[in-house]
């Protein structure tokens, strides 16, 4: 399963827990639209830390970066670049 599919599957599970089975677009708002709540953002952040190694302690936590599949993919890419830069300068 690729990264986007894994993220979409996790978000679908979060939405399903709330009874929301409506489709969502990759660039559609999830948190600021009210489809996901702050507690869901925390669950999503833990998932991203465990699955993709995103380090929110280093990058900072911003709900905007979790508001859509596209934003999450960008966050993962930023995290990977930061790790690669840190490894290269060591």
PDB file of N, CA and C in Angstrom:
ATOM      1  N   UNK A   1       0.848  -1.177   0.000  1.00  0.00           N
ATOM      2  CA  UNK A   1       0.000   0.000   0.000  1.00  0.00           C
ATOM      3  C   UNK A   1       0.895   1.243   0.000  1.00  0.00           C
ATOM      4  N   UNK A   2       0.620   2.191  -0.877  1.00  0.00           N
ATOM      5  CA  UNK A   2       1.440   3.398  -0.917  1.00  0.00           C
ATOM      6  C   UNK A   2       1.033   4.363   0.202  1.00  0.00           C
ATOM      7  N   UNK A   3       1.835   5.401   0.387  1.00  0.00           N
ATOM      8  CA  UNK A   3       1.620   6.348   1.480  1.00  0.00           C
ATOM      9  C   UNK A   3       0.242   6.993   1.434  1.00  0.00           C
ATOM     10  N   UNK A   4      -0.146   7.476   0.256  1.00  0.00           N
ATOM     11  CA  UNK A   4      -1.441   8.151   0.136  1.00  0.00           C
ATOM     12  C   UNK A   4      -2.582   7.204   0.473  1.00  0.00           C
ATOM     13  N   UNK A   5      -2.510   5.980   0.008  1.00  0.00           N
ATOM     14  CA  UNK A   5      -3.569   5.011   0.294  1.00  0.00           C
ATOM     15  C   UNK A   5      -3.644   4.718   1.793  1.00  0.00           C
ATOM     16  N   UNK A   6      -2.485   4.609   2.448  1.00  0.00           N
ATOM     17  CA  UNK A   6      -2.464   4.355   3.894  1.00  0.00           C
ATOM     18  C   UNK A   6      -3.075   5.527   4.657  1.00  0.00           C
ATOM     19  N   UNK A   7      -2.766   6.737   4.230  1.00  0.00           N
ATOM     20  CA  UNK A   7      -3.318   7.930   4.879  1.00  0.00           C
ATOM     21  C   UNK A   7      -4.828   7.991   4.664  1.00  0.00           C
ATOM     22  N   UNK A   8      -5.257   7.775   3.433  1.00  0.00           N
ATOM     23  CA  UNK A   8      -6.697   7.806   3.142  1.00  0.00           C
ATOM     24  C   UNK A   8      -7.450   6.749   3.942  1.00  0.00           C
ATOM     25  N   UNK A   9      -6.870   5.564   4.049  1.00  0.00           N
ATOM     26  CA  UNK A   9      -7.517   4.493   4.815  1.00  0.00           C
ATOM     27  C   UNK A   9      -7.652   4.879   6.292  1.00  0.00           C
ATOM     28  N   UNK A  10      -6.602   5.461   6.862  1.00  0.00           N
ATOM     29  CA  UNK A  10      -6.653   5.866   8.264  1.00  0.00           C
ATOM     30  C   UNK A  10      -7.706   6.954   8.472  1.00  0.00           C
ATOM     31  N   UNK A  11      -7.751   7.929   7.570  1.00  0.00           N
ATOM     32  CA  UNK A  11      -8.747   8.999   7.684  1.00  0.00           C
ATOM     33  C   UNK A  11     -10.153   8.439   7.542  1.00  0.00           C
ATOM     34  N   UNK A  12     -10.348   7.500   6.622  1.00  0.00           N
ATOM     35  CA  UNK A  12     -11.663   6.882   6.469  1.00  0.00           C
ATOM     36  C   UNK A  12     -12.098   6.209   7.765  1.00  0.00           C
ATOM     37  N   UNK A  13     -11.165   5.567   8.463  1.00  0.00           N
ATOM     38  CA  UNK A  13     -11.480   4.935   9.748  1.00  0.00           C
ATOM     39  C   UNK A  13     -11.859   5.977  10.791  1.00  0.00           C
ATOM     40  N   UNK A  14     -11.115   7.088  10.829  1.00  0.00           N
ATOM     41  CA  UNK A  14     -11.452   8.163  11.769  1.00  0.00           C
ATOM     42  C   UNK A  14     -12.854   8.703  11.499  1.00  0.00           C
ATOM     43  N   UNK A  15     -13.151   8.940  10.227  1.00  0.00           N
ATOM     44  CA  UNK A  15     -14.466   9.455   9.858  1.00  0.00           C
ATOM     45  C   UNK A  15     -15.564   8.435  10.161  1.00  0.00           C
ATOM     46  N   UNK A  16     -15.299   7.171   9.881  1.00  0.00           N
ATOM     47  CA  UNK A  16     -16.297   6.122  10.101  1.00  0.00           C
ATOM     48  C   UNK A  16     -16.666   6.009  11.579  1.00  0.00           C
ATOM     49  N   UNK A  17     -15.692   6.240  12.468  1.00  0.00           N
ATOM     50  CA  UNK A  17     -15.987   6.204  13.911  1.00  0.00           C
ATOM     51  C   UNK A  17     -17.035   7.245  14.283  1.00  0.00           C
ATOM     52  N   UNK A  18     -17.134   8.293  13.482  1.00  0.00           N
ATOM     53  CA  UNK A  18     -18.102   9.351  13.725  1.00  0.00           C
ATOM     54  C   UNK A  18     -19.388   9.146  12.916  1.00  0.00           C
ATOM     55  N   UNK A  19     -19.429   8.068  12.149  1.00  0.00           N
ATOM     56  CA  UNK A  19     -20.594   7.807  11.310  1.00  0.00           C
ATOM     57  C   UNK A  19     -20.551   8.550   9.983  1.00  0.00           C
ATOM     58  N   UNK A  20     -19.418   9.149   9.653  1.00  0.00           N
ATOM     59  CA  UNK A  20     -19.247   9.907   8.409  1.00  0.00           C
ATOM     60  C   UNK A  20     -18.671   8.971   7.350  1.00  0.00           C
ATOM     61  N   UNK A  21     -19.501   8.580   6.423  1.00  0.00           N
ATOM     62  CA  UNK A  21     -19.054   7.683   5.356  1.00  0.00           C
ATOM     63  C   UNK A  21     -19.005   8.392   4.006  1.00  0.00           C
ATOM     64  N   UNK A  22     -19.116   9.721   4.033  1.00  0.00           N
ATOM     65  CA  UNK A  22     -19.077  10.501   2.795  1.00  0.00           C
ATOM     66  C   UNK A  22     -17.657  10.503   2.226  1.00  0.00           C
ATOM     67  N   UNK A  23     -17.529  10.508   0.918  1.00  0.00           N
ATOM     68  CA  UNK A  23     -16.191  10.571   0.309  1.00  0.00           C
ATOM     69  C   UNK A  23     -15.518  11.913   0.615  1.00  0.00           C
ATOM     70  N   UNK A  24     -14.207  11.934   0.464  1.00  0.00           N
ATOM     71  CA  UNK A  24     -13.464  13.178   0.649  1.00  0.00           C
ATOM     72  C   UNK A  24     -12.399  13.283  -0.420  1.00  0.00           C
ATOM     73  N   UNK A  25     -12.116  14.516  -0.800  1.00  0.00           N
ATOM     74  CA  UNK A  25     -11.111  14.790  -1.822  1.00  0.00           C
ATOM     75  C   UNK A  25      -9.747  14.914  -1.147  1.00  0.00           C
ATOM     76  N   UNK A  26      -8.687  14.682  -1.899  1.00  0.00           N
ATOM     77  CA  UNK A  26      -7.338  14.792  -1.340  1.00  0.00           C
ATOM     78  C   UNK A  26      -7.018  16.208  -0.866  1.00  0.00           C
ATOM     79  N   UNK A  27      -7.641  17.220  -1.479  1.00  0.00           N
ATOM     80  CA  UNK A  27      -7.380  18.596  -1.061  1.00  0.00           C
ATOM     81  C   UNK A  27      -8.536  19.188  -0.253  1.00  0.00           C
ATOM     82  N   UNK A  28      -9.490  18.346   0.132  1.00  0.00           N
ATOM     83  CA  UNK A  28     -10.631  18.814   0.913  1.00  0.00           C
ATOM     84  C   UNK A  28     -10.302  18.936   2.395  1.00  0.00           C
ATOM     85  N   UNK A  29     -10.816  19.976   3.022  1.00  0.00           N
ATOM     86  CA  UNK A  29     -10.593  20.224   4.442  1.00  0.00           C
ATOM     87  C   UNK A  29     -11.255  19.134   5.285  1.00  0.00           C
ATOM     88  N   UNK A  30     -10.507  18.668   6.270  1.00  0.00           N
ATOM     89  CA  UNK A  30     -11.024  17.646   7.175  1.00  0.00           C
ATOM     90  C   UNK A  30     -11.232  18.186   8.585  1.00  0.00           C
ATOM     91  N   UNK A  31     -10.299  18.986   9.063  1.00  0.00           N
ATOM     92  CA  UNK A  31     -10.375  19.502  10.432  1.00  0.00           C
ATOM     93  C   UNK A  31     -11.148  20.815  10.473  1.00  0.00           C
ATOM     94  N   UNK A  32     -10.745  21.774   9.655  1.00  0.00           N
ATOM     95  CA  UNK A  32     -11.379  23.084   9.699  1.00  0.00           C
ATOM     96  C   UNK A  32     -12.804  23.063   9.155  1.00  0.00           C
ATOM     97  N   UNK A  33     -13.150  22.028   8.410  1.00  0.00           N
ATOM     98  CA  UNK A  33     -14.526  21.863   7.940  1.00  0.00           C
ATOM     99  C   UNK A  33     -15.401  21.245   9.020  1.00  0.00           C
ATOM    100  N   UNK A  34     -14.769  20.698  10.057  1.00  0.00           N
ATOM    101  CA  UNK A  34     -15.520  20.083  11.151  1.00  0.00           C
ATOM    102  C   UNK A  34     -15.721  18.580  11.006  1.00  0.00           C
ATOM    103  N   UNK A  35     -15.232  18.002   9.934  1.00  0.00           N
ATOM    104  CA  UNK A  35     -15.396  16.551   9.753  1.00  0.00           C
ATOM    105  C   UNK A  35     -14.565  15.775  10.774  1.00  0.00           C
ATOM    106  N   UNK A  36     -13.391  16.292  11.098  1.00  0.00           N
ATOM    107  CA  UNK A  36     -12.562  15.712  12.155  1.00  0.00           C
ATOM    108  C   UNK A  36     -12.396  16.752  13.257  1.00  0.00           C
ATOM    109  N   UNK A  37     -12.267  16.258  14.491  1.00  0.00           N
ATOM    110  CA  UNK A  37     -12.104  17.133  15.654  1.00  0.00           C
ATOM    111  C   UNK A  37     -10.642  17.140  16.099  1.00  0.00           C
ATOM    112  N   UNK A  38     -10.339  17.950  17.097  1.00  0.00           N
ATOM    113  CA  UNK A  38      -8.971  18.058  17.607  1.00  0.00           C
ATOM    114  C   UNK A  38      -8.433  16.717  18.085  1.00  0.00           C
ATOM    115  N   UNK A  39      -9.256  15.925  18.738  1.00  0.00           N
ATOM    116  CA  UNK A  39      -8.802  14.612  19.221  1.00  0.00           C
ATOM    117  C   UNK A  39      -8.440  13.707  18.044  1.00  0.00           C
ATOM    118  N   UNK A  40      -9.150  13.854  16.941  1.00  0.00           N
ATOM    119  CA  UNK A  40      -8.830  13.083  15.738  1.00  0.00           C
ATOM    120  C   UNK A  40      -7.482  13.522  15.169  1.00  0.00           C
ATOM    121  N   UNK A  41      -7.187  14.824  15.276  1.00  0.00           N
ATOM    122  CA  UNK A  41      -5.902  15.338  14.801  1.00  0.00           C
ATOM    123  C   UNK A  41      -4.763  14.718  15.610  1.00  0.00           C
ATOM    124  N   UNK A  42      -4.999  14.506  16.893  1.00  0.00           N
ATOM    125  CA  UNK A  42      -3.978  13.869  17.729  1.00  0.00           C
ATOM    126  C   UNK A  42      -3.782  12.419  17.303  1.00  0.00           C
ATOM    127  N   UNK A  43      -4.875  11.709  17.073  1.00  0.00           N
ATOM    128  CA  UNK A  43      -4.779  10.319  16.586  1.00  0.00           C
ATOM    129  C   UNK A  43      -4.022  10.276  15.261  1.00  0.00           C
ATOM    130  N   UNK A  44      -4.309  11.225  14.397  1.00  0.00           N
ATOM    131  CA  UNK A  44      -3.646  11.301  13.095  1.00  0.00           C
ATOM    132  C   UNK A  44      -2.153  11.589  13.265  1.00  0.00           C
ATOM    133  N   UNK A  45      -1.818  12.492  14.179  1.00  0.00           N
ATOM    134  CA  UNK A  45      -0.406  12.819  14.433  1.00  0.00           C
ATOM    135  C   UNK A  45       0.345  11.592  14.946  1.00  0.00           C
ATOM    136  N   UNK A  46      -0.257  10.835  15.851  1.00  0.00           N
ATOM    137  CA  UNK A  46       0.382   9.615  16.374  1.00  0.00           C
ATOM    138  C   UNK A  46       0.595   8.614  15.241  1.00  0.00           C
ATOM    139  N   UNK A  47      -0.413   8.455  14.386  1.00  0.00           N
ATOM    140  CA  UNK A  47      -0.298   7.571  13.226  1.00  0.00           C
ATOM    141  C   UNK A  47       0.874   7.988  12.336  1.00  0.00           C
ATOM    142  N   UNK A  48       0.992   9.288  12.067  1.00  0.00           N
ATOM    143  CA  UNK A  48       2.068   9.781  11.204  1.00  0.00           C
ATOM    144  C   UNK A  48       3.436   9.602  11.844  1.00  0.00           C
ATOM    145  N   UNK A  49       3.506   9.756  13.156  1.00  0.00           N
ATOM    146  CA  UNK A  49       4.773   9.524  13.855  1.00  0.00           C
ATOM    147  C   UNK A  49       5.180   8.059  13.757  1.00  0.00           C
ATOM    148  N   UNK A  50       4.218   7.167  14.000  1.00  0.00           N
ATOM    149  CA  UNK A  50       4.514   5.731  14.005  1.00  0.00           C
ATOM    150  C   UNK A  50       4.762   5.184  12.607  1.00  0.00           C
ATOM    151  N   UNK A  51       3.942   5.567  11.647  1.00  0.00           N
ATOM    152  CA  UNK A  51       4.007   4.988  10.301  1.00  0.00           C
ATOM    153  C   UNK A  51       5.076   5.640   9.413  1.00  0.00           C
ATOM    154  N   UNK A  52       5.238   6.965   9.558  1.00  0.00           N
ATOM    155  CA  UNK A  52       6.110   7.689   8.631  1.00  0.00           C
ATOM    156  C   UNK A  52       7.283   8.381   9.324  1.00  0.00           C
ATOM    157  N   UNK A  53       7.367   8.264  10.639  1.00  0.00           N
ATOM    158  CA  UNK A  53       8.486   8.851  11.375  1.00  0.00           C
ATOM    159  C   UNK A  53       8.459  10.370  11.448  1.00  0.00           C
ATOM    160  N   UNK A  54       7.279  10.975  11.271  1.00  0.00           N
ATOM    161  CA  UNK A  54       7.158  12.427  11.384  1.00  0.00           C
ATOM    162  C   UNK A  54       7.419  12.802  12.840  1.00  0.00           C
ATOM    163  N   UNK A  55       8.332  13.746  13.062  1.00  0.00           N
ATOM    164  CA  UNK A  55       8.701  14.160  14.415  1.00  0.00           C
ATOM    165  C   UNK A  55       8.091  15.530  14.707  1.00  0.00           C
ATOM    166  N   UNK A  56       6.909  15.521  15.340  1.00  0.00           N
ATOM    167  CA  UNK A  56       6.225  16.777  15.627  1.00  0.00           C
ATOM    168  C   UNK A  56       6.948  17.582  16.698  1.00  0.00           C
ATOM    169  N   UNK A  57       7.717  16.930  17.545  1.00  0.00           N
ATOM    170  CA  UNK A  57       8.499  17.655  18.554  1.00  0.00           C
ATOM    171  C   UNK A  57       9.519  18.552  17.858  1.00  0.00           C
ATOM    172  N   UNK A  58      10.059  18.085  16.751  1.00  0.00           N
ATOM    173  CA  UNK A  58      11.042  18.851  15.998  1.00  0.00           C
ATOM    174  C   UNK A  58      10.381  19.842  15.033  1.00  0.00           C
ATOM    175  N   UNK A  59       9.327  19.399  14.374  1.00  0.00           N
ATOM    176  CA  UNK A  59       8.685  20.217  13.334  1.00  0.00           C
ATOM    177  C   UNK A  59       7.627  21.165  13.888  1.00  0.00           C
ATOM    178  N   UNK A  60       7.103  20.866  15.057  1.00  0.00           N
ATOM    179  CA  UNK A  60       5.988  21.628  15.596  1.00  0.00           C
ATOM    180  C   UNK A  60       4.672  21.039  15.119  1.00  0.00           C
ATOM    181  N   UNK A  61       3.639  21.229  15.915  1.00  0.00           N
ATOM    182  CA  UNK A  61       2.324  20.677  15.593  1.00  0.00           C
ATOM    183  C   UNK A  61       1.424  21.807  15.113  1.00  0.00           C
ATOM    184  N   UNK A  62       0.919  21.674  13.907  1.00  0.00           N
ATOM    185  CA  UNK A  62       0.038  22.667  13.310  1.00  0.00           C
ATOM    186  C   UNK A  62      -1.115  21.920  12.654  1.00  0.00           C
ATOM    187  N   UNK A  63      -2.336  22.143  13.140  1.00  0.00           N
ATOM    188  CA  UNK A  63      -3.483  21.425  12.579  1.00  0.00           C
ATOM    189  C   UNK A  63      -3.652  21.686  11.091  1.00  0.00           C
ATOM    190  N   UNK A  64      -3.208  22.827  10.619  1.00  0.00           N
ATOM    191  CA  UNK A  64      -3.301  23.151   9.190  1.00  0.00           C
ATOM    192  C   UNK A  64      -2.576  22.089   8.353  1.00  0.00           C
ATOM    193  N   UNK A  65      -1.457  21.578   8.878  1.00  0.00           N
ATOM    194  CA  UNK A  65      -0.678  20.589   8.132  1.00  0.00           C
ATOM    195  C   UNK A  65      -1.335  19.208   8.130  1.00  0.00           C
ATOM    196  N   UNK A  66      -2.440  19.066   8.874  1.00  0.00           N
ATOM    197  CA  UNK A  66      -3.172  17.801   8.916  1.00  0.00           C
ATOM    198  C   UNK A  66      -4.582  17.937   8.336  1.00  0.00           C
ATOM    199  N   UNK A  67      -4.874  19.068   7.720  1.00  0.00           N
ATOM    200  CA  UNK A  67      -6.241  19.371   7.311  1.00  0.00           C
ATOM    201  C   UNK A  67      -6.699  18.677   6.041  1.00  0.00           C
ATOM    202  N   UNK A  68      -5.774  18.130   5.263  1.00  0.00           N
ATOM    203  CA  UNK A  68      -6.158  17.423   4.036  1.00  0.00           C
ATOM    204  C   UNK A  68      -5.113  16.356   3.722  1.00  0.00           C
ATOM    205  N   UNK A  69      -5.474  15.437   2.878  1.00  0.00           N
ATOM    206  CA  UNK A  69      -4.523  14.404   2.462  1.00  0.00           C
ATOM    207  C   UNK A  69      -3.325  15.070   1.788  1.00  0.00           C
ATOM    208  N   UNK A  70      -3.572  16.060   0.958  1.00  0.00           N
ATOM    209  CA  UNK A  70      -2.478  16.768   0.276  1.00  0.00           C
ATOM    210  C   UNK A  70      -1.545  17.423   1.294  1.00  0.00           C
ATOM    211  N   UNK A  71      -2.105  18.100   2.291  1.00  0.00           N
ATOM    212  CA  UNK A  71      -1.284  18.749   3.319  1.00  0.00           C
ATOM    213  C   UNK A  71      -0.466  17.718   4.094  1.00  0.00           C
ATOM    214  N   UNK A  72      -1.053  16.571   4.367  1.00  0.00           N
ATOM    215  CA  UNK A  72      -0.345  15.503   5.088  1.00  0.00           C
ATOM    216  C   UNK A  72       0.794  14.959   4.238  1.00  0.00           C
ATOM    217  N   UNK A  73       0.553  14.764   2.952  1.00  0.00           N
ATOM    218  CA  UNK A  73       1.613  14.294   2.057  1.00  0.00           C
ATOM    219  C   UNK A  73       2.760  15.304   2.010  1.00  0.00           C
ATOM    220  N   UNK A  74       2.430  16.602   1.990  1.00  0.00           N
ATOM    221  CA  UNK A  74       3.455  17.647   2.010  1.00  0.00           C
ATOM    222  C   UNK A  74       4.238  17.597   3.320  1.00  0.00           C
ATOM    223  N   UNK A  75       3.545  17.369   4.419  1.00  0.00           N
ATOM    224  CA  UNK A  75       4.186  17.277   5.729  1.00  0.00           C
ATOM    225  C   UNK A  75       5.172  16.110   5.771  1.00  0.00           C
ATOM    226  N   UNK A  76       4.772  14.975   5.240  1.00  0.00           N
ATOM    227  CA  UNK A  76       5.650  13.794   5.207  1.00  0.00           C
ATOM    228  C   UNK A  76       6.887  14.096   4.358  1.00  0.00           C
ATOM    229  N   UNK A  77       6.689  14.766   3.229  1.00  0.00           N
ATOM    230  CA  UNK A  77       7.819  15.132   2.362  1.00  0.00           C
ATOM    231  C   UNK A  77       8.764  16.086   3.084  1.00  0.00           C
ATOM    232  N   UNK A  78       8.217  17.073   3.800  1.00  0.00           N
ATOM    233  CA  UNK A  78       9.046  18.011   4.568  1.00  0.00           C
ATOM    234  C   UNK A  78       9.827  17.269   5.641  1.00  0.00           C
ATOM    235  N   UNK A  79       9.166  16.352   6.311  1.00  0.00           N
ATOM    236  CA  UNK A  79       9.807  15.577   7.378  1.00  0.00           C
ATOM    237  C   UNK A  79      10.967  14.770   6.816  1.00  0.00           C
ATOM    238  N   UNK A  80      10.767  14.150   5.661  1.00  0.00           N
ATOM    239  CA  UNK A  80      11.814  13.355   5.024  1.00  0.00           C
ATOM    240  C   UNK A  80      13.007  14.227   4.630  1.00  0.00           C
ATOM    241  N   UNK A  81      12.717  15.420   4.086  1.00  0.00           N
ATOM    242  CA  UNK A  81      13.789  16.349   3.700  1.00  0.00           C
ATOM    243  C   UNK A  81      14.578  16.780   4.920  1.00  0.00           C
ATOM    244  N   UNK A  82      13.879  17.071   6.022  1.00  0.00           N
ATOM    245  CA  UNK A  82      14.551  17.502   7.254  1.00  0.00           C
ATOM    246  C   UNK A  82      15.453  16.402   7.793  1.00  0.00           C
ATOM    247  N   UNK A  83      14.961  15.166   7.751  1.00  0.00           N
ATOM    248  CA  UNK A  83      15.782  14.025   8.218  1.00  0.00           C
ATOM    249  C   UNK A  83      17.012  13.847   7.336  1.00  0.00           C
ATOM    250  N   UNK A  84      16.827  13.955   6.020  1.00  0.00           N
ATOM    251  CA  UNK A  84      17.944  13.796   5.079  1.00  0.00           C
ATOM    252  C   UNK A  84      18.974  14.908   5.253  1.00  0.00           C
ATOM    253  N   UNK A  85      18.514  16.130   5.471  1.00  0.00           N
ATOM    254  CA  UNK A  85      19.428  17.263   5.684  1.00  0.00           C
ATOM    255  C   UNK A  85      20.215  17.069   6.970  1.00  0.00           C
ATOM    256  N   UNK A  86      19.542  16.614   8.024  1.00  0.00           N
ATOM    257  CA  UNK A  86      20.201  16.398   9.308  1.00  0.00           C
ATOM    258  C   UNK A  86      21.233  15.279   9.189  1.00  0.00           C
ATOM    259  N   UNK A  87      20.892  14.235   8.458  1.00  0.00           N
ATOM    260  CA  UNK A  87      21.820  13.107   8.282  1.00  0.00           C
ATOM    261  C   UNK A  87      23.030  13.524   7.446  1.00  0.00           C
ATOM    262  N   UNK A  88      22.814  14.358   6.436  1.00  0.00           N
ATOM    263  CA  UNK A  88      23.893  14.797   5.563  1.00  0.00           C
ATOM    264  C   UNK A  88      24.873  15.722   6.281  1.00  0.00           C
ATOM    265  N   UNK A  89      24.356  16.505   7.230  1.00  0.00           N
ATOM    266  CA  UNK A  89      25.235  17.439   7.932  1.00  0.00           C
ATOM    267  C   UNK A  89      25.920  16.823   9.154  1.00  0.00           C
ATOM    268  N   UNK A  90      25.599  15.582   9.452  1.00  0.00           N
ATOM    269  CA  UNK A  90      26.234  14.914  10.601  1.00  0.00           C
ATOM    270  C   UNK A  90      27.605  14.390  10.267  1.00  0.00           C
TER     271      UNK A  90
END
